[in-house]
Amino acid sequence: MRAAALRRAALALLLAAGAGPAAAGVDDLIDAIQSSEFRFGRAKSEVPFPPLGWVQYRAYDAAQFSDTQGLRPPAEADEQAFSVGGLVPVYVATRDMIVVGGDLSVTSIRVRAGPYRDQRVEQATLVAAWLRQLGSETLAVFAAPIFSRDDRSDRPSHVNGFGGVIGMHWHSDTLQWLYGAVFEYNFGARTLYPYFGVLWLPTPRWSVALAVPWPTVAYSLNDRWLLEAGVSPGSTSWVTEGSEVQSTQSLGAWNFSVGAAYRLHGRFWLYAGAGRTFGRDLISGGTEGETRFDAESRPVYTLALQFRP
């Protein structure tokens, strides 16, 4: 699965892992959720929930991109991405919950060397999910269409996206298993993926989430400082249109980062992290086939304002 799709699939994972409010009426929503039969293994944990609201900036140092077949000249480019998004429950019953949200992002790719032009891509991801608590199982059915356009396209947007079912089996309040399936529609290509993972709280201060696409280990120093280390996807996909041709572009990366979050006030946290990329590439597909450019590993930096219920 491309990193862009995995990133959006993480929204559904967060829902299954314990959705929380991210807007006005926070206390009322918390009361409604606590009165329901939904289970929350973090009740005795000092590690806050994953962010359910965010404003994020991510920057990649300039990297050399080389055609794996050696047919096209190499390029040197850097990348900056800005995104804002969140999730919020709009309906809470005893065993059912409906959650909606989304993510708006702008990615700027600046070519420093090579016969290619700069690129600016805008994306909007909408998320809707229905959660159901069935004894020791929490099930989430979700859909997430993605609308994207580049600065060369005359069309308002191109659409891809995914949907699926993700379940969580509550072995205990400190150990849960994730399972399910995700269907991806990527500009004509259709793929079905299995989904699996585990969430573990070994102590009140430690949290281990071995789940696609954000395996993360977190440690709470105190009620104001949180340390995190993990892998996260960072990418974007779009369609480029010329006078007579159309091609799909997918810029993908996996980022290993170490960072710290500081509680500014209440449920709002400031996060800063740094790390390196691996498996970064650019795949361009058209009528004449597919071309892949591999990129060298380079530093990546992240700064974000997060809402953690």
C-alpha atoms as a PDB file:
ATOM      1  CA  MET A   1       0.000   0.000   0.000  1.00  0.00           C
ATOM      2  CA  ARG A   2       1.321   3.435  -0.841  1.00  0.00           C
ATOM      3  CA  ALA A   3       2.319   5.602   2.126  1.00  0.00           C
ATOM      4  CA  ALA A   4      -0.317   8.202   1.240  1.00  0.00           C
ATOM      5  CA  ALA A   5      -3.096   5.655   1.574  1.00  0.00           C
ATOM      6  CA  LEU A   6      -1.597   4.246   4.761  1.00  0.00           C
ATOM      7  CA  ARG A   7      -1.502   7.693   6.298  1.00  0.00           C
ATOM      8  CA  ARG A   8      -5.240   8.145   5.744  1.00  0.00           C
ATOM      9  CA  ALA A   9      -5.955   4.587   6.895  1.00  0.00           C
ATOM     10  CA  ALA A  10      -4.395   5.620  10.207  1.00  0.00           C
ATOM     11  CA  LEU A  11      -7.400   7.882  10.757  1.00  0.00           C
ATOM     12  CA  ALA A  12      -9.601   4.791  10.909  1.00  0.00           C
ATOM     13  CA  LEU A  13      -7.117   3.089  13.227  1.00  0.00           C
ATOM     14  CA  LEU A  14      -7.346   6.036  15.618  1.00  0.00           C
ATOM     15  CA  LEU A  15     -11.112   5.639  15.607  1.00  0.00           C
ATOM     16  CA  ALA A  16     -10.901   1.984  16.523  1.00  0.00           C
ATOM     17  CA  ALA A  17      -8.228   2.751  19.121  1.00  0.00           C
ATOM     18  CA  GLY A  18     -10.578   5.046  21.013  1.00  0.00           C
ATOM     19  CA  ALA A  19     -12.075   8.062  19.316  1.00  0.00           C
ATOM     20  CA  GLY A  20     -12.400  11.215  21.394  1.00  0.00           C
ATOM     21  CA  PRO A  21     -13.840  14.690  20.931  1.00  0.00           C
ATOM     22  CA  ALA A  22     -11.927  17.400  19.108  1.00  0.00           C
ATOM     23  CA  ALA A  23     -14.308  20.331  19.075  1.00  0.00           C
ATOM     24  CA  ALA A  24     -16.761  22.296  21.233  1.00  0.00           C
ATOM     25  CA  GLY A  25     -18.769  20.325  23.789  1.00  0.00           C
ATOM     26  CA  VAL A  26     -15.741  18.253  24.820  1.00  0.00           C
ATOM     27  CA  ASP A  27     -16.968  17.481  28.328  1.00  0.00           C
ATOM     28  CA  ASP A  28     -20.450  16.510  27.148  1.00  0.00           C
ATOM     29  CA  LEU A  29     -19.015  14.163  24.535  1.00  0.00           C
ATOM     30  CA  ILE A  30     -16.660  12.592  27.072  1.00  0.00           C
ATOM     31  CA  ASP A  31     -19.575  12.011  29.445  1.00  0.00           C
ATOM     32  CA  ALA A  32     -21.616  10.407  26.643  1.00  0.00           C
ATOM     33  CA  ILE A  33     -18.749   8.119  25.636  1.00  0.00           C
ATOM     34  CA  GLN A  34     -17.989   7.144  29.233  1.00  0.00           C
ATOM     35  CA  SER A  35     -21.674   6.311  29.733  1.00  0.00           C
ATOM     36  CA  SER A  36     -21.610   4.018  26.697  1.00  0.00           C
ATOM     37  CA  GLU A  37     -20.311   0.442  26.532  1.00  0.00           C
ATOM     38  CA  PHE A  38     -17.217   1.396  24.543  1.00  0.00           C
ATOM     39  CA  ARG A  39     -14.036   0.240  26.255  1.00  0.00           C
ATOM     40  CA  PHE A  40     -11.002   2.432  26.893  1.00  0.00           C
ATOM     41  CA  GLY A  41      -7.799   0.717  27.954  1.00  0.00           C
ATOM     42  CA  ARG A  42      -6.049   4.021  28.636  1.00  0.00           C
ATOM     43  CA  ALA A  43      -8.148   4.839  31.703  1.00  0.00           C
ATOM     44  CA  LYS A  44      -5.163   4.103  34.001  1.00  0.00           C
ATOM     45  CA  SER A  45      -2.475   5.185  31.545  1.00  0.00           C
ATOM     46  CA  GLU A  46      -0.424   8.369  31.901  1.00  0.00           C
ATOM     47  CA  VAL A  47       0.202   8.408  28.123  1.00  0.00           C
ATOM     48  CA  PRO A  48      -2.310  10.692  26.352  1.00  0.00           C
ATOM     49  CA  PHE A  49      -4.423   9.493  23.437  1.00  0.00           C
ATOM     50  CA  PRO A  50      -3.029   9.795  19.896  1.00  0.00           C
ATOM     51  CA  PRO A  51      -3.773  13.231  18.397  1.00  0.00           C
ATOM     52  CA  LEU A  52      -7.319  13.579  17.081  1.00  0.00           C
ATOM     53  CA  GLY A  53      -6.744  17.142  15.887  1.00  0.00           C
ATOM     54  CA  TRP A  54      -3.593  18.594  14.344  1.00  0.00           C
ATOM     55  CA  VAL A  55      -1.892  21.426  12.503  1.00  0.00           C
ATOM     56  CA  GLN A  56       1.365  20.037  11.131  1.00  0.00           C
ATOM     57  CA  TYR A  57       4.386  21.186   9.147  1.00  0.00           C
ATOM     58  CA  ARG A  58       6.905  18.679   7.761  1.00  0.00           C
ATOM     59  CA  ALA A  59      10.099  19.428   5.834  1.00  0.00           C
ATOM     60  CA  TYR A  60      12.409  17.095   3.911  1.00  0.00           C
ATOM     61  CA  ASP A  61      15.996  18.050   3.121  1.00  0.00           C
ATOM     62  CA  ALA A  62      16.958  18.108  -0.568  1.00  0.00           C
ATOM     63  CA  ALA A  63      17.552  14.611  -1.946  1.00  0.00           C
ATOM     64  CA  GLN A  64      18.840  13.134  -5.187  1.00  0.00           C
ATOM     65  CA  PHE A  65      16.176  11.210  -7.166  1.00  0.00           C
ATOM     66  CA  SER A  66      17.515   8.698  -9.713  1.00  0.00           C
ATOM     67  CA  ASP A  67      15.605   6.720 -12.348  1.00  0.00           C
ATOM     68  CA  THR A  68      15.956   3.022 -11.468  1.00  0.00           C
ATOM     69  CA  GLN A  69      16.119   2.160 -15.216  1.00  0.00           C
ATOM     70  CA  GLY A  70      18.574   4.920 -16.046  1.00  0.00           C
ATOM     71  CA  LEU A  71      16.413   6.306 -18.859  1.00  0.00           C
ATOM     72  CA  ARG A  72      15.665   9.754 -17.443  1.00  0.00           C
ATOM     73  CA  PRO A  73      18.040  12.324 -15.953  1.00  0.00           C
ATOM     74  CA  PRO A  74      18.250  12.560 -12.147  1.00  0.00           C
ATOM     75  CA  ALA A  75      16.819  15.396 -10.106  1.00  0.00           C
ATOM     76  CA  GLU A  76      17.501  17.063  -6.798  1.00  0.00           C
ATOM     77  CA  ALA A  77      14.445  18.263  -4.909  1.00  0.00           C
ATOM     78  CA  ASP A  78      13.231  19.181  -1.443  1.00  0.00           C
ATOM     79  CA  GLU A  79       9.698  18.952  -0.075  1.00  0.00           C
ATOM     80  CA  GLN A  80       7.537  20.819   2.403  1.00  0.00           C
ATOM     81  CA  ALA A  81       4.076  19.700   3.525  1.00  0.00           C
ATOM     82  CA  PHE A  82       1.467  21.536   5.611  1.00  0.00           C
ATOM     83  CA  SER A  83      -1.696  19.838   6.863  1.00  0.00           C
ATOM     84  CA  VAL A  84      -4.611  20.493   9.204  1.00  0.00           C
ATOM     85  CA  GLY A  85      -7.255  18.001  10.242  1.00  0.00           C
ATOM     86  CA  GLY A  86      -9.148  16.210  12.945  1.00  0.00           C
ATOM     87  CA  LEU A  87     -11.838  13.737  13.956  1.00  0.00           C
ATOM     88  CA  VAL A  88     -14.976  14.252  16.047  1.00  0.00           C
ATOM     89  CA  PRO A  89     -17.863  11.988  17.107  1.00  0.00           C
ATOM     90  CA  VAL A  90     -21.206  13.378  15.970  1.00  0.00           C
ATOM     91  CA  TYR A  91     -23.380  10.608  17.417  1.00  0.00           C
ATOM     92  CA  VAL A  92     -22.824   8.497  20.550  1.00  0.00           C
ATOM     93  CA  ALA A  93     -25.177   5.764  21.757  1.00  0.00           C
ATOM     94  CA  THR A  94     -24.768   2.822  24.128  1.00  0.00           C
ATOM     95  CA  ARG A  95     -23.002   0.596  21.590  1.00  0.00           C
ATOM     96  CA  ASP A  96     -22.755   2.776  18.489  1.00  0.00           C
ATOM     97  CA  MET A  97     -20.744   5.819  17.502  1.00  0.00           C
ATOM     98  CA  ILE A  98     -20.462   7.839  14.284  1.00  0.00           C
ATOM     99  CA  VAL A  99     -17.254   9.780  13.738  1.00  0.00           C
ATOM    100  CA  VAL A 100     -16.457  12.224  10.933  1.00  0.00           C
ATOM    101  CA  GLY A 101     -13.418  14.286  10.084  1.00  0.00           C
ATOM    102  CA  GLY A 102     -10.772  14.895   7.503  1.00  0.00           C
ATOM    103  CA  ASP A 103      -7.428  16.332   6.535  1.00  0.00           C
ATOM    104  CA  LEU A 104      -6.461  19.254   4.285  1.00  0.00           C
ATOM    105  CA  SER A 105      -2.891  19.339   2.999  1.00  0.00           C
ATOM    106  CA  VAL A 106      -0.653  21.324   0.667  1.00  0.00           C
ATOM    107  CA  THR A 107       2.634  19.831  -0.537  1.00  0.00           C
ATOM    108  CA  SER A 108       5.297  21.931  -2.267  1.00  0.00           C
ATOM    109  CA  ILE A 109       8.095  20.198  -4.191  1.00  0.00           C
ATOM    110  CA  ARG A 110      10.975  22.432  -5.240  1.00  0.00           C
ATOM    111  CA  VAL A 111      13.358  21.140  -7.917  1.00  0.00           C
ATOM    112  CA  ARG A 112      16.882  22.398  -7.298  1.00  0.00           C
ATOM    113  CA  ALA A 113      18.571  20.544 -10.175  1.00  0.00           C
ATOM    114  CA  GLY A 114      17.316  18.612 -13.197  1.00  0.00           C
ATOM    115  CA  PRO A 115      15.014  19.209 -16.193  1.00  0.00           C
ATOM    116  CA  TYR A 116      11.782  19.149 -14.166  1.00  0.00           C
ATOM    117  CA  ARG A 117       9.458  21.830 -12.839  1.00  0.00           C
ATOM    118  CA  ASP A 118       8.364  22.633  -9.294  1.00  0.00           C
ATOM    119  CA  GLN A 119       5.116  21.053  -8.122  1.00  0.00           C
ATOM    120  CA  ARG A 120       2.350  22.111  -5.746  1.00  0.00           C
ATOM    121  CA  VAL A 121      -0.319  19.568  -4.770  1.00  0.00           C
ATOM    122  CA  GLU A 122      -3.488  20.183  -2.772  1.00  0.00           C
ATOM    123  CA  GLN A 123      -5.385  17.324  -1.148  1.00  0.00           C
ATOM    124  CA  ALA A 124      -8.576  16.976   0.875  1.00  0.00           C
ATOM    125  CA  THR A 125      -9.389  13.725   2.657  1.00  0.00           C
ATOM    126  CA  LEU A 126     -12.855  13.133   4.106  1.00  0.00           C
ATOM    127  CA  VAL A 127     -13.389  10.432   6.728  1.00  0.00           C
ATOM    128  CA  ALA A 128     -16.622   8.858   7.980  1.00  0.00           C
ATOM    129  CA  ALA A 129     -16.785   5.845  10.290  1.00  0.00           C
ATOM    130  CA  TRP A 130     -19.354   3.831  12.206  1.00  0.00           C
ATOM    131  CA  LEU A 131     -18.139   2.125  15.398  1.00  0.00           C
ATOM    132  CA  ARG A 132     -19.908  -0.734  17.136  1.00  0.00           C
ATOM    133  CA  GLN A 133     -19.048  -2.299  20.497  1.00  0.00           C
ATOM    134  CA  LEU A 134     -19.823  -6.042  20.663  1.00  0.00           C
ATOM    135  CA  GLY A 135     -18.624  -7.449  23.966  1.00  0.00           C
ATOM    136  CA  SER A 136     -14.849  -7.730  23.726  1.00  0.00           C
ATOM    137  CA  GLU A 137     -14.832  -6.574  20.075  1.00  0.00           C
ATOM    138  CA  THR A 138     -14.809  -2.998  18.786  1.00  0.00           C
ATOM    139  CA  LEU A 139     -15.602  -2.791  15.057  1.00  0.00           C
ATOM    140  CA  ALA A 140     -15.188   0.217  12.755  1.00  0.00           C
ATOM    141  CA  VAL A 141     -16.509   0.497   9.183  1.00  0.00           C
ATOM    142  CA  PHE A 142     -15.023   3.495   7.388  1.00  0.00           C
ATOM    143  CA  ALA A 143     -14.760   5.305   4.065  1.00  0.00           C
ATOM    144  CA  ALA A 144     -12.176   7.935   3.128  1.00  0.00           C
ATOM    145  CA  PRO A 145     -12.332   9.561  -0.330  1.00  0.00           C
ATOM    146  CA  ILE A 146      -9.305  11.691  -1.271  1.00  0.00           C
ATOM    147  CA  PHE A 147      -9.614  14.691  -3.601  1.00  0.00           C
ATOM    148  CA  SER A 148      -6.366  15.983  -5.115  1.00  0.00           C
ATOM    149  CA  ARG A 149      -5.203  18.464  -7.721  1.00  0.00           C
ATOM    150  CA  ASP A 150      -1.890  19.910  -8.839  1.00  0.00           C
ATOM    151  CA  ASP A 151      -1.215  23.473  -9.951  1.00  0.00           C
ATOM    152  CA  ARG A 152      -1.217  22.450 -13.631  1.00  0.00           C
ATOM    153  CA  SER A 153      -4.626  20.796 -13.704  1.00  0.00           C
ATOM    154  CA  ASP A 154      -7.691  22.546 -15.097  1.00  0.00           C
ATOM    155  CA  ARG A 155      -9.987  20.052 -13.386  1.00  0.00           C
ATOM    156  CA  PRO A 156     -11.221  20.836  -9.855  1.00  0.00           C
ATOM    157  CA  SER A 157      -9.866  17.537  -8.500  1.00  0.00           C
ATOM    158  CA  HIS A 158      -9.156  13.864  -9.073  1.00  0.00           C
ATOM    159  CA  VAL A 159     -10.545  11.271  -6.683  1.00  0.00           C
ATOM    160  CA  ASN A 160      -9.022   8.177  -5.144  1.00  0.00           C
ATOM    161  CA  GLY A 161      -9.439   6.772  -1.643  1.00  0.00           C
ATOM    162  CA  PHE A 162     -10.181   3.698   0.411  1.00  0.00           C
ATOM    163  CA  GLY A 163     -12.548   2.036   2.825  1.00  0.00           C
ATOM    164  CA  GLY A 164     -12.714  -1.050   4.954  1.00  0.00           C
ATOM    165  CA  VAL A 165     -13.429  -2.747   8.240  1.00  0.00           C
ATOM    166  CA  ILE A 166     -11.072  -2.669  11.229  1.00  0.00           C
ATOM    167  CA  GLY A 167     -11.693  -4.605  14.418  1.00  0.00           C
ATOM    168  CA  MET A 168     -10.131  -4.522  17.862  1.00  0.00           C
ATOM    169  CA  HIS A 169     -10.171  -7.534  20.169  1.00  0.00           C
ATOM    170  CA  TRP A 170      -9.866  -6.568  23.828  1.00  0.00           C
ATOM    171  CA  HIS A 171      -7.644  -9.227  25.384  1.00  0.00           C
ATOM    172  CA  SER A 172      -7.417  -6.951  28.438  1.00  0.00           C
ATOM    173  CA  ASP A 173      -7.390  -3.256  29.303  1.00  0.00           C
ATOM    174  CA  THR A 174      -3.647  -3.215  28.557  1.00  0.00           C
ATOM    175  CA  LEU A 175      -3.506  -5.458  25.461  1.00  0.00           C
ATOM    176  CA  GLN A 176      -5.629  -5.284  22.283  1.00  0.00           C
ATOM    177  CA  TRP A 177      -5.310  -7.007  18.901  1.00  0.00           C
ATOM    178  CA  LEU A 178      -6.204  -5.242  15.638  1.00  0.00           C
ATOM    179  CA  TYR A 179      -7.462  -7.002  12.520  1.00  0.00           C
ATOM    180  CA  GLY A 180      -9.450  -6.313   9.377  1.00  0.00           C
ATOM    181  CA  ALA A 181      -9.187  -5.414   5.713  1.00  0.00           C
ATOM    182  CA  VAL A 182      -8.673  -2.189   3.730  1.00  0.00           C
ATOM    183  CA  PHE A 183      -9.744  -1.614   0.127  1.00  0.00           C
ATOM    184  CA  GLU A 184      -7.777   0.965  -1.870  1.00  0.00           C
ATOM    185  CA  TYR A 185      -8.827   2.688  -5.094  1.00  0.00           C
ATOM    186  CA  ASN A 186      -5.808   4.494  -6.515  1.00  0.00           C
ATOM    187  CA  PHE A 187      -6.662   6.269  -9.790  1.00  0.00           C
ATOM    188  CA  GLY A 188      -8.050   3.111 -11.405  1.00  0.00           C
ATOM    189  CA  ALA A 189      -6.044   0.465  -9.537  1.00  0.00           C
ATOM    190  CA  ARG A 190      -8.008  -1.589  -6.990  1.00  0.00           C
ATOM    191  CA  THR A 191      -6.301  -3.476  -4.171  1.00  0.00           C
ATOM    192  CA  LEU A 192      -7.483  -5.296  -1.048  1.00  0.00           C
ATOM    193  CA  TYR A 193      -5.094  -5.454   1.935  1.00  0.00           C
ATOM    194  CA  PRO A 194      -5.237  -7.381   5.214  1.00  0.00           C
ATOM    195  CA  TYR A 195      -4.872  -5.321   8.377  1.00  0.00           C
ATOM    196  CA  PHE A 196      -3.321  -6.355  11.693  1.00  0.00           C
ATOM    197  CA  GLY A 197      -1.573  -4.939  14.742  1.00  0.00           C
ATOM    198  CA  VAL A 198      -1.295  -4.885  18.528  1.00  0.00           C
ATOM    199  CA  LEU A 199      -1.683  -2.152  21.175  1.00  0.00           C
ATOM    200  CA  TRP A 200       0.090  -2.736  24.489  1.00  0.00           C
ATOM    201  CA  LEU A 201       0.357  -0.708  27.690  1.00  0.00           C
ATOM    202  CA  PRO A 202       3.109  -2.490  29.687  1.00  0.00           C
ATOM    203  CA  THR A 203       3.109   0.179  32.432  1.00  0.00           C
ATOM    204  CA  PRO A 204       1.100   3.373  33.047  1.00  0.00           C
ATOM    205  CA  ARG A 205       3.939   5.437  31.517  1.00  0.00           C
ATOM    206  CA  TRP A 206       4.698   3.276  28.467  1.00  0.00           C
ATOM    207  CA  SER A 207       2.628   2.735  25.308  1.00  0.00           C
ATOM    208  CA  VAL A 208       3.571   0.390  22.449  1.00  0.00           C
ATOM    209  CA  ALA A 209       1.501   0.527  19.236  1.00  0.00           C
ATOM    210  CA  LEU A 210       2.735  -2.022  16.692  1.00  0.00           C
ATOM    211  CA  ALA A 211       0.147  -1.166  14.081  1.00  0.00           C
ATOM    212  CA  VAL A 212       0.178  -0.079  10.450  1.00  0.00           C
ATOM    213  CA  PRO A 213       1.017   2.585   9.473  1.00  0.00           C
ATOM    214  CA  TRP A 214       2.338   4.255  12.635  1.00  0.00           C
ATOM    215  CA  PRO A 215       4.272   1.824  14.871  1.00  0.00           C
ATOM    216  CA  THR A 216       5.103   4.011  17.840  1.00  0.00           C
ATOM    217  CA  VAL A 217       6.646   3.683  21.278  1.00  0.00           C
ATOM    218  CA  ALA A 218       5.716   6.473  23.702  1.00  0.00           C
ATOM    219  CA  TYR A 219       6.886   7.314  27.225  1.00  0.00           C
ATOM    220  CA  SER A 220       5.276   9.849  29.533  1.00  0.00           C
ATOM    221  CA  LEU A 221       7.889  11.688  31.608  1.00  0.00           C
ATOM    222  CA  ASN A 222       5.190  13.514  33.578  1.00  0.00           C
ATOM    223  CA  ASP A 223       1.860  15.226  32.969  1.00  0.00           C
ATOM    224  CA  ARG A 224       3.508  17.796  30.642  1.00  0.00           C
ATOM    225  CA  TRP A 225       6.187  15.945  28.672  1.00  0.00           C
ATOM    226  CA  LEU A 226       5.796  13.014  26.281  1.00  0.00           C
ATOM    227  CA  LEU A 227       8.588  11.276  24.347  1.00  0.00           C
ATOM    228  CA  GLU A 228       7.882   9.309  21.152  1.00  0.00           C
ATOM    229  CA  ALA A 229       9.842   7.232  18.649  1.00  0.00           C
ATOM    230  CA  GLY A 230       8.415   5.504  15.620  1.00  0.00           C
ATOM    231  CA  VAL A 231       7.842   5.185  11.913  1.00  0.00           C
ATOM    232  CA  SER A 232       5.263   7.201   9.989  1.00  0.00           C
ATOM    233  CA  PRO A 233       4.353   7.583   6.315  1.00  0.00           C
ATOM    234  CA  GLY A 234       4.591  10.897   4.522  1.00  0.00           C
ATOM    235  CA  SER A 235       3.573  11.176   0.901  1.00  0.00           C
ATOM    236  CA  THR A 236       1.132  12.492  -1.648  1.00  0.00           C
ATOM    237  CA  SER A 237      -0.411  11.283  -4.928  1.00  0.00           C
ATOM    238  CA  TRP A 238      -1.861  13.275  -7.784  1.00  0.00           C
ATOM    239  CA  VAL A 239      -2.663  13.324 -11.516  1.00  0.00           C
ATOM    240  CA  THR A 240      -0.652  15.477 -13.919  1.00  0.00           C
ATOM    241  CA  GLU A 241      -2.432  16.602 -17.090  1.00  0.00           C
ATOM    242  CA  GLY A 242      -0.766  17.841 -20.249  1.00  0.00           C
ATOM    243  CA  SER A 243      -2.223  18.930 -23.558  1.00  0.00           C
ATOM    244  CA  GLU A 244      -2.670  15.352 -24.733  1.00  0.00           C
ATOM    245  CA  VAL A 245      -1.372  13.110 -21.953  1.00  0.00           C
ATOM    246  CA  GLN A 246      -2.282  12.286 -18.374  1.00  0.00           C
ATOM    247  CA  SER A 247      -0.088  10.602 -15.798  1.00  0.00           C
ATOM    248  CA  THR A 248      -0.317   9.659 -12.138  1.00  0.00           C
ATOM    249  CA  GLN A 249       2.396  10.688  -9.695  1.00  0.00           C
ATOM    250  CA  SER A 250       3.020   9.202  -6.263  1.00  0.00           C
ATOM    251  CA  LEU A 251       5.707  10.609  -3.977  1.00  0.00           C
ATOM    252  CA  GLY A 252       6.180   8.299  -1.033  1.00  0.00           C
ATOM    253  CA  ALA A 253       8.416   8.095   2.016  1.00  0.00           C
ATOM    254  CA  TRP A 254       8.712   6.336   5.339  1.00  0.00           C
ATOM    255  CA  ASN A 255      10.056   8.447   8.177  1.00  0.00           C
ATOM    256  CA  PHE A 256      11.796   7.220  11.293  1.00  0.00           C
ATOM    257  CA  SER A 257      11.579  10.023  13.856  1.00  0.00           C
ATOM    258  CA  VAL A 258      12.217  10.724  17.510  1.00  0.00           C
ATOM    259  CA  GLY A 259      10.353  13.612  19.097  1.00  0.00           C
ATOM    260  CA  ALA A 260       8.905  15.228  22.186  1.00  0.00           C
ATOM    261  CA  ALA A 261       5.512  16.748  22.926  1.00  0.00           C
ATOM    262  CA  TYR A 262       4.866  19.437  25.536  1.00  0.00           C
ATOM    263  CA  ARG A 263       1.421  20.107  26.990  1.00  0.00           C
ATOM    264  CA  LEU A 264       0.725  23.793  26.321  1.00  0.00           C
ATOM    265  CA  HIS A 265      -2.689  23.977  27.957  1.00  0.00           C
ATOM    266  CA  GLY A 266      -5.379  21.434  28.714  1.00  0.00           C
ATOM    267  CA  ARG A 267      -5.528  18.980  25.825  1.00  0.00           C
ATOM    268  CA  PHE A 268      -3.307  20.975  23.453  1.00  0.00           C
ATOM    269  CA  TRP A 269       0.272  19.794  22.864  1.00  0.00           C
ATOM    270  CA  LEU A 270       3.232  21.136  20.877  1.00  0.00           C
ATOM    271  CA  TYR A 271       5.253  18.407  19.146  1.00  0.00           C
ATOM    272  CA  ALA A 272       8.699  18.602  17.533  1.00  0.00           C
ATOM    273  CA  GLY A 273      10.553  15.689  15.971  1.00  0.00           C
ATOM    274  CA  ALA A 274      13.481  14.850  13.710  1.00  0.00           C
ATOM    275  CA  GLY A 275      14.676  11.749  11.908  1.00  0.00           C
ATOM    276  CA  ARG A 276      15.541  10.252   8.529  1.00  0.00           C
ATOM    277  CA  THR A 277      13.641   8.893   5.550  1.00  0.00           C
ATOM    278  CA  PHE A 278      13.876   5.420   4.064  1.00  0.00           C
ATOM    279  CA  GLY A 279      12.125   3.771   1.124  1.00  0.00           C
ATOM    280  CA  ARG A 280      11.498   7.175  -0.434  1.00  0.00           C
ATOM    281  CA  ASP A 281      10.581   7.205  -4.110  1.00  0.00           C
ATOM    282  CA  LEU A 282       8.615   8.905  -6.869  1.00  0.00           C
ATOM    283  CA  ILE A 283       6.522   6.698  -9.169  1.00  0.00           C
ATOM    284  CA  SER A 284       5.181   8.177 -12.400  1.00  0.00           C
ATOM    285  CA  GLY A 285       2.702   6.155 -14.460  1.00  0.00           C
ATOM    286  CA  GLY A 286       1.240   6.863 -17.889  1.00  0.00           C
ATOM    287  CA  THR A 287       0.339   5.311 -21.218  1.00  0.00           C
ATOM    288  CA  GLU A 288       3.975   4.379 -21.859  1.00  0.00           C
ATOM    289  CA  GLY A 289       4.393   2.506 -18.589  1.00  0.00           C
ATOM    290  CA  GLU A 290       5.713   3.285 -15.150  1.00  0.00           C
ATOM    291  CA  THR A 291       8.920   5.077 -14.152  1.00  0.00           C
ATOM    292  CA  ARG A 292      10.344   4.908 -10.658  1.00  0.00           C
ATOM    293  CA  PHE A 293      12.832   7.331  -9.116  1.00  0.00           C
ATOM    294  CA  ASP A 294      14.540   6.244  -5.896  1.00  0.00           C
ATOM    295  CA  ALA A 295      15.774   8.866  -3.432  1.00  0.00           C
ATOM    296  CA  GLU A 296      18.627   8.771  -0.976  1.00  0.00           C
ATOM    297  CA  SER A 297      17.945   8.821   2.743  1.00  0.00           C
ATOM    298  CA  ARG A 298      17.760  12.386   4.059  1.00  0.00           C
ATOM    299  CA  PRO A 299      16.770  14.177   7.299  1.00  0.00           C
ATOM    300  CA  VAL A 300      13.116  15.012   7.935  1.00  0.00           C
ATOM    301  CA  TYR A 301      11.706  17.460  10.492  1.00  0.00           C
ATOM    302  CA  THR A 302       8.192  17.768  11.949  1.00  0.00           C
ATOM    303  CA  LEU A 303       6.506  20.507  13.977  1.00  0.00           C
ATOM    304  CA  ALA A 304       2.861  20.186  15.027  1.00  0.00           C
ATOM    305  CA  LEU A 305       0.160  21.552  17.286  1.00  0.00           C
ATOM    306  CA  GLN A 306      -1.912  18.578  18.458  1.00  0.00           C
ATOM    307  CA  PHE A 307      -5.200  17.996  20.242  1.00  0.00           C
ATOM    308  CA  ARG A 308      -4.988  14.912  22.473  1.00  0.00           C
ATOM    309  CA  PRO A 309      -8.133  14.096  24.499  1.00  0.00           C
END
